[in-house]
Amino acid sequence: MQQRRALFGGQPAQFKVDANLGSATLNATVTLTDTLSGLTFDVTVVDLPWRATSSWGQQNSHSSFLFLGCHINSHVNAAFRLAEAEGEILDGTINFTVGPSLAGNLFSAKSGDRSEGC
C-alpha cells in the first residue's frame, strides 16, 4: 500500500491506497458543518476501508483548445475500480455510518497540459 498524508480541516490524515486500486483506508478527524443550523462539529473517521467491487476500468481523454492564438493540448490517463466503503465516522456519541456505502470508487489519474502562444 502506498501511504499519503493530507490535511482535513487542519488535522493530519492518514490515507493508504493499494497500487492496483484493490483497497484503501482512511483515518482522519474532519470538521463538518450542519447546513440547516450552521453549527460545526468534529467527526473522527476510524479505519474507513474501501474494497474494490469491480474489475479495473480505464479512461483516456485528449482535448485541444485554440483561441486568440493560444493552443492548449490536455491529456488524461486514468484507471478506476468501483468500490464500497464501510467503517465508522463518529462524533463521540453517534456513528454516522449505518452500513456499507451505496456507491464509491477508487481512482488514479495522470494528466498533463501543453500550451503554445498563450
Foldseek 3Di string as FASTA:
>chain_A
DDWDWDDAPNWIKIKDADPLRQKIWIWTKHWDADPVVRDIAIKTFDTKMKGFDAHKDKDKDWDWDDDPQKIKIKIKIKIKGKIKIDGFIGRPPDTPDDGIDPTDMGMDMDMDMDMDRD
